Every structure is written in structure tokens, then in C-alpha cells.
mmCIF file of all heavy atoms, coordinates in Angstrom:
data_MODEL
# 
_entry.id   MODEL 
# 
loop_
_atom_site.group_PDB 
_atom_site.id 
_atom_site.type_symbol 
_atom_site.label_atom_id 
_atom_site.label_alt_id 
_atom_site.label_comp_id 
_atom_site.label_asym_id 
_atom_site.label_entity_id 
_atom_site.label_seq_id 
_atom_site.pdbx_PDB_ins_code 
_atom_site.Cartn_x 
_atom_site.Cartn_y 
_atom_site.Cartn_z 
_atom_site.occupancy 
_atom_site.B_iso_or_equiv 
_atom_site.pdbx_formal_charge 
_atom_site.auth_seq_id 
_atom_site.auth_comp_id 
_atom_site.auth_asym_id 
_atom_site.auth_atom_id 
_atom_site.pdbx_PDB_model_num 
ATOM 1   N N   . LYS A 1 1  ? -10.321 -10.927 -76.152 1.00 0.00 ? 1  LYS A N   1 
ATOM 2   C CA  . LYS A 1 1  ? -11.094 -11.928 -75.387 1.00 0.00 ? 1  LYS A CA  1 
ATOM 3   C C   . LYS A 1 1  ? -10.292 -13.107 -75.110 1.00 0.00 ? 1  LYS A C   1 
ATOM 4   O O   . LYS A 1 1  ? -9.385  -13.432 -75.737 1.00 0.00 ? 1  LYS A O   1 
ATOM 5   C CB  . LYS A 1 1  ? -12.238 -12.355 -76.512 1.00 0.00 ? 1  LYS A CB  1 
ATOM 6   C CG  . LYS A 1 1  ? -13.251 -13.214 -75.905 1.00 0.00 ? 1  LYS A CG  1 
ATOM 7   C CD  . LYS A 1 1  ? -14.178 -13.767 -76.962 1.00 0.00 ? 1  LYS A CD  1 
ATOM 8   C CE  . LYS A 1 1  ? -15.087 -12.765 -77.522 1.00 0.00 ? 1  LYS A CE  1 
ATOM 9   N NZ  . LYS A 1 1  ? -16.128 -13.290 -78.545 1.00 0.00 ? 1  LYS A NZ  1 
ATOM 10  N N   . GLY A 1 2  ? -10.631 -13.728 -73.959 1.00 0.00 ? 2  GLY A N   1 
ATOM 11  C CA  . GLY A 1 2  ? -10.019 -14.983 -73.566 1.00 0.00 ? 2  GLY A CA  1 
ATOM 12  C C   . GLY A 1 2  ? -8.834  -14.898 -72.745 1.00 0.00 ? 2  GLY A C   1 
ATOM 13  O O   . GLY A 1 2  ? -8.053  -15.788 -72.700 1.00 0.00 ? 2  GLY A O   1 
ATOM 14  N N   . VAL A 1 3  ? -8.479  -13.693 -72.127 1.00 0.00 ? 3  VAL A N   1 
ATOM 15  C CA  . VAL A 1 3  ? -7.238  -13.539 -71.354 1.00 0.00 ? 3  VAL A CA  1 
ATOM 16  C C   . VAL A 1 3  ? -7.515  -12.972 -69.948 1.00 0.00 ? 3  VAL A C   1 
ATOM 17  O O   . VAL A 1 3  ? -8.552  -12.459 -69.708 1.00 0.00 ? 3  VAL A O   1 
ATOM 18  C CB  . VAL A 1 3  ? -6.269  -12.603 -72.144 1.00 0.00 ? 3  VAL A CB  1 
ATOM 19  C CG1 . VAL A 1 3  ? -5.946  -13.059 -73.467 1.00 0.00 ? 3  VAL A CG1 1 
ATOM 20  C CG2 . VAL A 1 3  ? -6.834  -11.164 -72.211 1.00 0.00 ? 3  VAL A CG2 1 
ATOM 21  N N   . ILE A 1 4  ? -6.491  -13.127 -69.118 1.00 0.00 ? 4  ILE A N   1 
ATOM 22  C CA  . ILE A 1 4  ? -6.503  -12.472 -67.850 1.00 0.00 ? 4  ILE A CA  1 
ATOM 23  C C   . ILE A 1 4  ? -5.435  -11.406 -67.971 1.00 0.00 ? 4  ILE A C   1 
ATOM 24  O O   . ILE A 1 4  ? -4.236  -11.704 -68.242 1.00 0.00 ? 4  ILE A O   1 
ATOM 25  C CB  . ILE A 1 4  ? -6.095  -13.504 -66.738 1.00 0.00 ? 4  ILE A CB  1 
ATOM 26  C CG1 . ILE A 1 4  ? -7.243  -14.624 -66.653 1.00 0.00 ? 4  ILE A CG1 1 
ATOM 27  C CG2 . ILE A 1 4  ? -5.942  -12.709 -65.392 1.00 0.00 ? 4  ILE A CG2 1 
ATOM 28  C CD1 . ILE A 1 4  ? -6.917  -15.659 -65.628 1.00 0.00 ? 4  ILE A CD1 1 
ATOM 29  N N   . VAL A 1 5  ? -5.765  -10.246 -67.681 1.00 0.00 ? 5  VAL A N   1 
ATOM 30  C CA  . VAL A 1 5  ? -4.911  -9.014  -67.647 1.00 0.00 ? 5  VAL A CA  1 
ATOM 31  C C   . VAL A 1 5  ? -4.721  -8.620  -66.362 1.00 0.00 ? 5  VAL A C   1 
ATOM 32  O O   . VAL A 1 5  ? -5.726  -8.345  -65.586 1.00 0.00 ? 5  VAL A O   1 
ATOM 33  C CB  . VAL A 1 5  ? -5.495  -7.899  -68.492 1.00 0.00 ? 5  VAL A CB  1 
ATOM 34  C CG1 . VAL A 1 5  ? -4.579  -6.697  -68.407 1.00 0.00 ? 5  VAL A CG1 1 
ATOM 35  C CG2 . VAL A 1 5  ? -5.553  -8.348  -69.982 1.00 0.00 ? 5  VAL A CG2 1 
ATOM 36  N N   . GLY A 1 6  ? -3.393  -8.485  -65.955 1.00 0.00 ? 6  GLY A N   1 
ATOM 37  C CA  . GLY A 1 6  ? -3.068  -8.069  -64.554 1.00 0.00 ? 6  GLY A CA  1 
ATOM 38  C C   . GLY A 1 6  ? -2.727  -6.595  -64.628 1.00 0.00 ? 6  GLY A C   1 
ATOM 39  O O   . GLY A 1 6  ? -1.939  -6.178  -65.510 1.00 0.00 ? 6  GLY A O   1 
ATOM 40  N N   . LEU A 1 7  ? -3.366  -5.841  -63.685 1.00 0.00 ? 7  LEU A N   1 
ATOM 41  C CA  . LEU A 1 7  ? -3.084  -4.331  -63.690 1.00 0.00 ? 7  LEU A CA  1 
ATOM 42  C C   . LEU A 1 7  ? -2.288  -4.078  -62.371 1.00 0.00 ? 7  LEU A C   1 
ATOM 43  O O   . LEU A 1 7  ? -2.718  -4.405  -61.227 1.00 0.00 ? 7  LEU A O   1 
ATOM 44  C CB  . LEU A 1 7  ? -4.423  -3.668  -63.564 1.00 0.00 ? 7  LEU A CB  1 
ATOM 45  C CG  . LEU A 1 7  ? -4.559  -2.262  -63.740 1.00 0.00 ? 7  LEU A CG  1 
ATOM 46  C CD1 . LEU A 1 7  ? -3.987  -1.662  -65.091 1.00 0.00 ? 7  LEU A CD1 1 
ATOM 47  C CD2 . LEU A 1 7  ? -5.988  -1.744  -63.504 1.00 0.00 ? 7  LEU A CD2 1 
ATOM 48  N N   . ILE A 1 8  ? -1.022  -3.604  -62.633 1.00 0.00 ? 8  ILE A N   1 
ATOM 49  C CA  . ILE A 1 8  ? -0.161  -3.358  -61.530 1.00 0.00 ? 8  ILE A CA  1 
ATOM 50  C C   . ILE A 1 8  ? 0.224   -1.829  -61.482 1.00 0.00 ? 8  ILE A C   1 
ATOM 51  O O   . ILE A 1 8  ? 0.074   -1.154  -62.424 1.00 0.00 ? 8  ILE A O   1 
ATOM 52  C CB  . ILE A 1 8  ? 1.124   -4.172  -61.656 1.00 0.00 ? 8  ILE A CB  1 
ATOM 53  C CG1 . ILE A 1 8  ? 1.931   -3.826  -62.822 1.00 0.00 ? 8  ILE A CG1 1 
ATOM 54  C CG2 . ILE A 1 8  ? 0.714   -5.616  -61.625 1.00 0.00 ? 8  ILE A CG2 1 
ATOM 55  C CD1 . ILE A 1 8  ? 3.263   -4.654  -62.840 1.00 0.00 ? 8  ILE A CD1 1 
ATOM 56  N N   . GLY A 1 9  ? 0.769   -1.543  -60.326 1.00 0.00 ? 9  GLY A N   1 
ATOM 57  C CA  . GLY A 1 9  ? 1.159   -0.040  -60.042 1.00 0.00 ? 9  GLY A CA  1 
ATOM 58  C C   . GLY A 1 9  ? 1.004   0.213   -58.563 1.00 0.00 ? 9  GLY A C   1 
ATOM 59  O O   . GLY A 1 9  ? 0.275   -0.576  -57.849 1.00 0.00 ? 9  GLY A O   1 
ATOM 60  N N   . GLU A 1 10 ? 1.726   1.170   -57.998 1.00 0.00 ? 10 GLU A N   1 
ATOM 61  C CA  . GLU A 1 10 ? 1.666   1.478   -56.634 1.00 0.00 ? 10 GLU A CA  1 
ATOM 62  C C   . GLU A 1 10 ? 0.363   2.144   -56.228 1.00 0.00 ? 10 GLU A C   1 
ATOM 63  O O   . GLU A 1 10 ? -0.341  2.621   -57.174 1.00 0.00 ? 10 GLU A O   1 
ATOM 64  C CB  . GLU A 1 10 ? 2.852   2.271   -56.223 1.00 0.00 ? 10 GLU A CB  1 
ATOM 65  C CG  . GLU A 1 10 ? 2.891   3.741   -56.755 1.00 0.00 ? 10 GLU A CG  1 
ATOM 66  C CD  . GLU A 1 10 ? 4.141   4.544   -56.329 1.00 0.00 ? 10 GLU A CD  1 
ATOM 67  O OE1 . GLU A 1 10 ? 4.619   4.212   -55.175 1.00 0.00 ? 10 GLU A OE1 1 
ATOM 68  O OE2 . GLU A 1 10 ? 4.613   5.351   -56.940 1.00 0.00 ? 10 GLU A OE2 1 
ATOM 69  N N   . ASN A 1 11 ? 0.143   2.325   -54.978 1.00 0.00 ? 11 ASN A N   1 
ATOM 70  C CA  . ASN A 1 11 ? -1.101  3.005   -54.472 1.00 0.00 ? 11 ASN A CA  1 
ATOM 71  C C   . ASN A 1 11 ? -1.014  4.455   -55.101 1.00 0.00 ? 11 ASN A C   1 
ATOM 72  O O   . ASN A 1 11 ? -0.053  5.180   -55.076 1.00 0.00 ? 11 ASN A O   1 
ATOM 73  C CB  . ASN A 1 11 ? -1.102  3.064   -52.951 1.00 0.00 ? 11 ASN A CB  1 
ATOM 74  C CG  . ASN A 1 11 ? -1.525  1.738   -52.299 1.00 0.00 ? 11 ASN A CG  1 
ATOM 75  O OD1 . ASN A 1 11 ? -2.246  0.897   -52.976 1.00 0.00 ? 11 ASN A OD1 1 
ATOM 76  N ND2 . ASN A 1 11 ? -1.095  1.528   -51.165 1.00 0.00 ? 11 ASN A ND2 1 
ATOM 77  N N   . GLY A 1 12 ? -2.251  4.840   -55.580 1.00 0.00 ? 12 GLY A N   1 
ATOM 78  C CA  . GLY A 1 12 ? -2.336  6.215   -56.220 1.00 0.00 ? 12 GLY A CA  1 
ATOM 79  C C   . GLY A 1 12 ? -1.871  6.371   -57.613 1.00 0.00 ? 12 GLY A C   1 
ATOM 80  O O   . GLY A 1 12 ? -1.908  7.465   -58.129 1.00 0.00 ? 12 GLY A O   1 
ATOM 81  N N   . ALA A 1 13 ? -1.556  5.189   -58.185 1.00 0.00 ? 13 ALA A N   1 
ATOM 82  C CA  . ALA A 1 13 ? -0.946  5.294   -59.591 1.00 0.00 ? 13 ALA A CA  1 
ATOM 83  C C   . ALA A 1 13 ? -2.073  5.531   -60.558 1.00 0.00 ? 13 ALA A C   1 
ATOM 84  O O   . ALA A 1 13 ? -1.849  6.103   -61.698 1.00 0.00 ? 13 ALA A O   1 
ATOM 85  C CB  . ALA A 1 13 ? -0.223  4.011   -59.843 1.00 0.00 ? 13 ALA A CB  1 
ATOM 86  N N   . GLY A 1 14 ? -3.295  5.108   -60.296 1.00 0.00 ? 14 GLY A N   1 
ATOM 87  C CA  . GLY A 1 14 ? -4.443  5.395   -61.140 1.00 0.00 ? 14 GLY A CA  1 
ATOM 88  C C   . GLY A 1 14 ? -5.203  4.134   -61.540 1.00 0.00 ? 14 GLY A C   1 
ATOM 89  O O   . GLY A 1 14 ? -6.022  4.196   -62.331 1.00 0.00 ? 14 GLY A O   1 
ATOM 90  N N   . LYS A 1 15 ? -4.847  2.990   -60.973 1.00 0.00 ? 15 LYS A N   1 
ATOM 91  C CA  . LYS A 1 15 ? -5.448  1.742   -61.267 1.00 0.00 ? 15 LYS A CA  1 
ATOM 92  C C   . LYS A 1 15 ? -6.972  1.768   -60.972 1.00 0.00 ? 15 LYS A C   1 
ATOM 93  O O   . LYS A 1 15 ? -7.862  1.322   -61.794 1.00 0.00 ? 15 LYS A O   1 
ATOM 94  C CB  . LYS A 1 15 ? -4.852  0.536   -60.537 1.00 0.00 ? 15 LYS A CB  1 
ATOM 95  C CG  . LYS A 1 15 ? -3.373  0.401   -60.813 1.00 0.00 ? 15 LYS A CG  1 
ATOM 96  C CD  . LYS A 1 15 ? -2.794  -0.866  -60.153 1.00 0.00 ? 15 LYS A CD  1 
ATOM 97  C CE  . LYS A 1 15 ? -3.073  -0.908  -58.554 1.00 0.00 ? 15 LYS A CE  1 
ATOM 98  N NZ  . LYS A 1 15 ? -2.400  0.074   -57.807 1.00 0.00 ? 15 LYS A NZ  1 
ATOM 99  N N   . THR A 1 16 ? -7.290  2.212   -59.780 1.00 0.00 ? 16 THR A N   1 
ATOM 100 C CA  . THR A 1 16 ? -8.798  2.198   -59.439 1.00 0.00 ? 16 THR A CA  1 
ATOM 101 C C   . THR A 1 16 ? -9.508  3.220   -60.253 1.00 0.00 ? 16 THR A C   1 
ATOM 102 O O   . THR A 1 16 ? -10.707 2.948   -60.559 1.00 0.00 ? 16 THR A O   1 
ATOM 103 C CB  . THR A 1 16 ? -8.907  2.542   -57.823 1.00 0.00 ? 16 THR A CB  1 
ATOM 104 O OG1 . THR A 1 16 ? -8.275  1.443   -57.078 1.00 0.00 ? 16 THR A OG1 1 
ATOM 105 C CG2 . THR A 1 16 ? -10.360 2.633   -57.430 1.00 0.00 ? 16 THR A CG2 1 
ATOM 106 N N   . THR A 1 17 ? -8.887  4.386   -60.541 1.00 0.00 ? 17 THR A N   1 
ATOM 107 C CA  . THR A 1 17 ? -9.494  5.358   -61.433 1.00 0.00 ? 17 THR A CA  1 
ATOM 108 C C   . THR A 1 17 ? -9.744  4.822   -62.698 1.00 0.00 ? 17 THR A C   1 
ATOM 109 O O   . THR A 1 17 ? -10.971 4.990   -63.220 1.00 0.00 ? 17 THR A O   1 
ATOM 110 C CB  . THR A 1 17 ? -8.594  6.723   -61.445 1.00 0.00 ? 17 THR A CB  1 
ATOM 111 O OG1 . THR A 1 17 ? -8.382  7.148   -60.183 1.00 0.00 ? 17 THR A OG1 1 
ATOM 112 C CG2 . THR A 1 17 ? -9.189  7.693   -62.336 1.00 0.00 ? 17 THR A CG2 1 
ATOM 113 N N   . LEU A 1 18 ? -8.905  3.953   -63.216 1.00 0.00 ? 18 LEU A N   1 
ATOM 114 C CA  . LEU A 1 18 ? -9.103  3.364   -64.535 1.00 0.00 ? 18 LEU A CA  1 
ATOM 115 C C   . LEU A 1 18 ? -10.210 2.368   -64.479 1.00 0.00 ? 18 LEU A C   1 
ATOM 116 O O   . LEU A 1 18 ? -11.113 2.379   -65.258 1.00 0.00 ? 18 LEU A O   1 
ATOM 117 C CB  . LEU A 1 18 ? -7.741  2.633   -64.988 1.00 0.00 ? 18 LEU A CB  1 
ATOM 118 C CG  . LEU A 1 18 ? -7.796  1.855   -66.275 1.00 0.00 ? 18 LEU A CG  1 
ATOM 119 C CD1 . LEU A 1 18 ? -8.129  2.797   -67.439 1.00 0.00 ? 18 LEU A CD1 1 
ATOM 120 C CD2 . LEU A 1 18 ? -6.463  1.194   -66.522 1.00 0.00 ? 18 LEU A CD2 1 
ATOM 121 N N   . ILE A 1 19 ? -10.304 1.589   -63.424 1.00 0.00 ? 19 ILE A N   1 
ATOM 122 C CA  . ILE A 1 19 ? -11.329 0.584   -63.377 1.00 0.00 ? 19 ILE A CA  1 
ATOM 123 C C   . ILE A 1 19 ? -12.768 1.263   -63.234 1.00 0.00 ? 19 ILE A C   1 
ATOM 124 O O   . ILE A 1 19 ? -13.615 0.951   -63.799 1.00 0.00 ? 19 ILE A O   1 
ATOM 125 C CB  . ILE A 1 19 ? -11.127 -0.334  -62.135 1.00 0.00 ? 19 ILE A CB  1 
ATOM 126 C CG1 . ILE A 1 19 ? -10.018 -1.294  -62.447 1.00 0.00 ? 19 ILE A CG1 1 
ATOM 127 C CG2 . ILE A 1 19 ? -12.308 -1.104  -61.660 1.00 0.00 ? 19 ILE A CG2 1 
ATOM 128 C CD1 . ILE A 1 19 ? -9.475  -2.253  -61.334 1.00 0.00 ? 19 ILE A CD1 1 
ATOM 129 N N   . LYS A 1 20 ? -12.865 2.280   -62.336 1.00 0.00 ? 20 LYS A N   1 
ATOM 130 C CA  . LYS A 1 20 ? -14.036 3.018   -62.131 1.00 0.00 ? 20 LYS A CA  1 
ATOM 131 C C   . LYS A 1 20 ? -14.409 3.723   -63.363 1.00 0.00 ? 20 LYS A C   1 
ATOM 132 O O   . LYS A 1 20 ? -15.660 4.005   -63.689 1.00 0.00 ? 20 LYS A O   1 
ATOM 133 C CB  . LYS A 1 20 ? -13.921 3.946   -60.973 1.00 0.00 ? 20 LYS A CB  1 
ATOM 134 C CG  . LYS A 1 20 ? -13.971 3.263   -59.595 1.00 0.00 ? 20 LYS A CG  1 
ATOM 135 C CD  . LYS A 1 20 ? -13.873 4.248   -58.457 1.00 0.00 ? 20 LYS A CD  1 
ATOM 136 C CE  . LYS A 1 20 ? -13.894 3.456   -57.135 1.00 0.00 ? 20 LYS A CE  1 
ATOM 137 N NZ  . LYS A 1 20 ? -13.863 4.378   -55.969 1.00 0.00 ? 20 LYS A NZ  1 
ATOM 138 N N   . SER A 1 21 ? -13.485 4.156   -64.178 1.00 0.00 ? 21 SER A N   1 
ATOM 139 C CA  . SER A 1 21 ? -13.831 4.668   -65.558 1.00 0.00 ? 21 SER A CA  1 
ATOM 140 C C   . SER A 1 21 ? -14.495 3.790   -66.456 1.00 0.00 ? 21 SER A C   1 
ATOM 141 O O   . SER A 1 21 ? -15.435 4.121   -67.202 1.00 0.00 ? 21 SER A O   1 
ATOM 142 C CB  . SER A 1 21 ? -12.557 5.374   -66.195 1.00 0.00 ? 21 SER A CB  1 
ATOM 143 O OG  . SER A 1 21 ? -12.019 6.434   -65.360 1.00 0.00 ? 21 SER A OG  1 
ATOM 144 N N   . MET A 1 22 ? -13.853 2.528   -66.417 1.00 0.00 ? 22 MET A N   1 
ATOM 145 C CA  . MET A 1 22 ? -14.374 1.479   -67.275 1.00 0.00 ? 22 MET A CA  1 
ATOM 146 C C   . MET A 1 22 ? -15.882 1.135   -66.851 1.00 0.00 ? 22 MET A C   1 
ATOM 147 O O   . MET A 1 22 ? -16.686 0.780   -67.807 1.00 0.00 ? 22 MET A O   1 
ATOM 148 C CB  . MET A 1 22 ? -13.571 0.129   -67.133 1.00 0.00 ? 22 MET A CB  1 
ATOM 149 C CG  . MET A 1 22 ? -12.274 0.230   -67.680 1.00 0.00 ? 22 MET A CG  1 
ATOM 150 S SD  . MET A 1 22 ? -11.428 -1.413  -67.478 1.00 0.00 ? 22 MET A SD  1 
ATOM 151 C CE  . MET A 1 22 ? -9.721  -0.942  -67.712 1.00 0.00 ? 22 MET A CE  1 
ATOM 152 N N   . LEU A 1 23 ? -16.178 1.232   -65.548 1.00 0.00 ? 23 LEU A N   1 
ATOM 153 C CA  . LEU A 1 23 ? -17.462 0.964   -65.073 1.00 0.00 ? 23 LEU A CA  1 
ATOM 154 C C   . LEU A 1 23 ? -18.467 2.072   -65.030 1.00 0.00 ? 23 LEU A C   1 
ATOM 155 O O   . LEU A 1 23 ? -19.537 1.922   -64.609 1.00 0.00 ? 23 LEU A O   1 
ATOM 156 C CB  . LEU A 1 23 ? -17.356 0.240   -63.624 1.00 0.00 ? 23 LEU A CB  1 
ATOM 157 C CG  . LEU A 1 23 ? -16.586 -0.986  -63.482 1.00 0.00 ? 23 LEU A CG  1 
ATOM 158 C CD1 . LEU A 1 23 ? -16.348 -1.341  -62.089 1.00 0.00 ? 23 LEU A CD1 1 
ATOM 159 C CD2 . LEU A 1 23 ? -17.337 -2.155  -64.208 1.00 0.00 ? 23 LEU A CD2 1 
ATOM 160 N N   . ASN A 1 24 ? -17.975 3.244   -65.518 1.00 0.00 ? 24 ASN A N   1 
ATOM 161 C CA  . ASN A 1 24 ? -18.780 4.394   -65.585 1.00 0.00 ? 24 ASN A CA  1 
ATOM 162 C C   . ASN A 1 24 ? -19.235 4.885   -64.142 1.00 0.00 ? 24 ASN A C   1 
ATOM 163 O O   . ASN A 1 24 ? -20.207 5.536   -64.077 1.00 0.00 ? 24 ASN A O   1 
ATOM 164 C CB  . ASN A 1 24 ? -20.079 4.271   -66.429 1.00 0.00 ? 24 ASN A CB  1 
ATOM 165 C CG  . ASN A 1 24 ? -20.472 5.576   -67.020 1.00 0.00 ? 24 ASN A CG  1 
ATOM 166 O OD1 . ASN A 1 24 ? -19.696 6.549   -67.286 1.00 0.00 ? 24 ASN A OD1 1 
ATOM 167 N ND2 . ASN A 1 24 ? -21.750 5.677   -67.392 1.00 0.00 ? 24 ASN A ND2 1 
ATOM 168 N N   . ILE A 1 25 ? -18.445 4.418   -63.127 1.00 0.00 ? 25 ILE A N   1 
ATOM 169 C CA  . ILE A 1 25 ? -18.716 5.030   -61.793 1.00 0.00 ? 25 ILE A CA  1 
ATOM 170 C C   . ILE A 1 25 ? -18.256 6.398   -61.662 1.00 0.00 ? 25 ILE A C   1 
ATOM 171 O O   . ILE A 1 25 ? -18.850 7.167   -60.885 1.00 0.00 ? 25 ILE A O   1 
ATOM 172 C CB  . ILE A 1 25 ? -17.966 4.032   -60.799 1.00 0.00 ? 25 ILE A CB  1 
ATOM 173 C CG1 . ILE A 1 25 ? -18.527 2.666   -60.739 1.00 0.00 ? 25 ILE A CG1 1 
ATOM 174 C CG2 . ILE A 1 25 ? -18.100 4.629   -59.406 1.00 0.00 ? 25 ILE A CG2 1 
ATOM 175 C CD1 . ILE A 1 25 ? -17.730 1.590   -60.017 1.00 0.00 ? 25 ILE A CD1 1 
# 
């Protein structure tokens, strides 16, 4: 709690998949 976490990686690395998994999309 209380932090800003930066998510980095190239296109196709899995960042958006990770975010959509968190959101149950």
C-alpha cells in the first residue's frame, strides 16, 4: 500500500495480459 509501481517491458512482453488478469478481463 502507498506506492507507485512502474511496469516496464517491450511490446508483447505480457504487461497488458498481467493487467487484464488483475482486472479479471
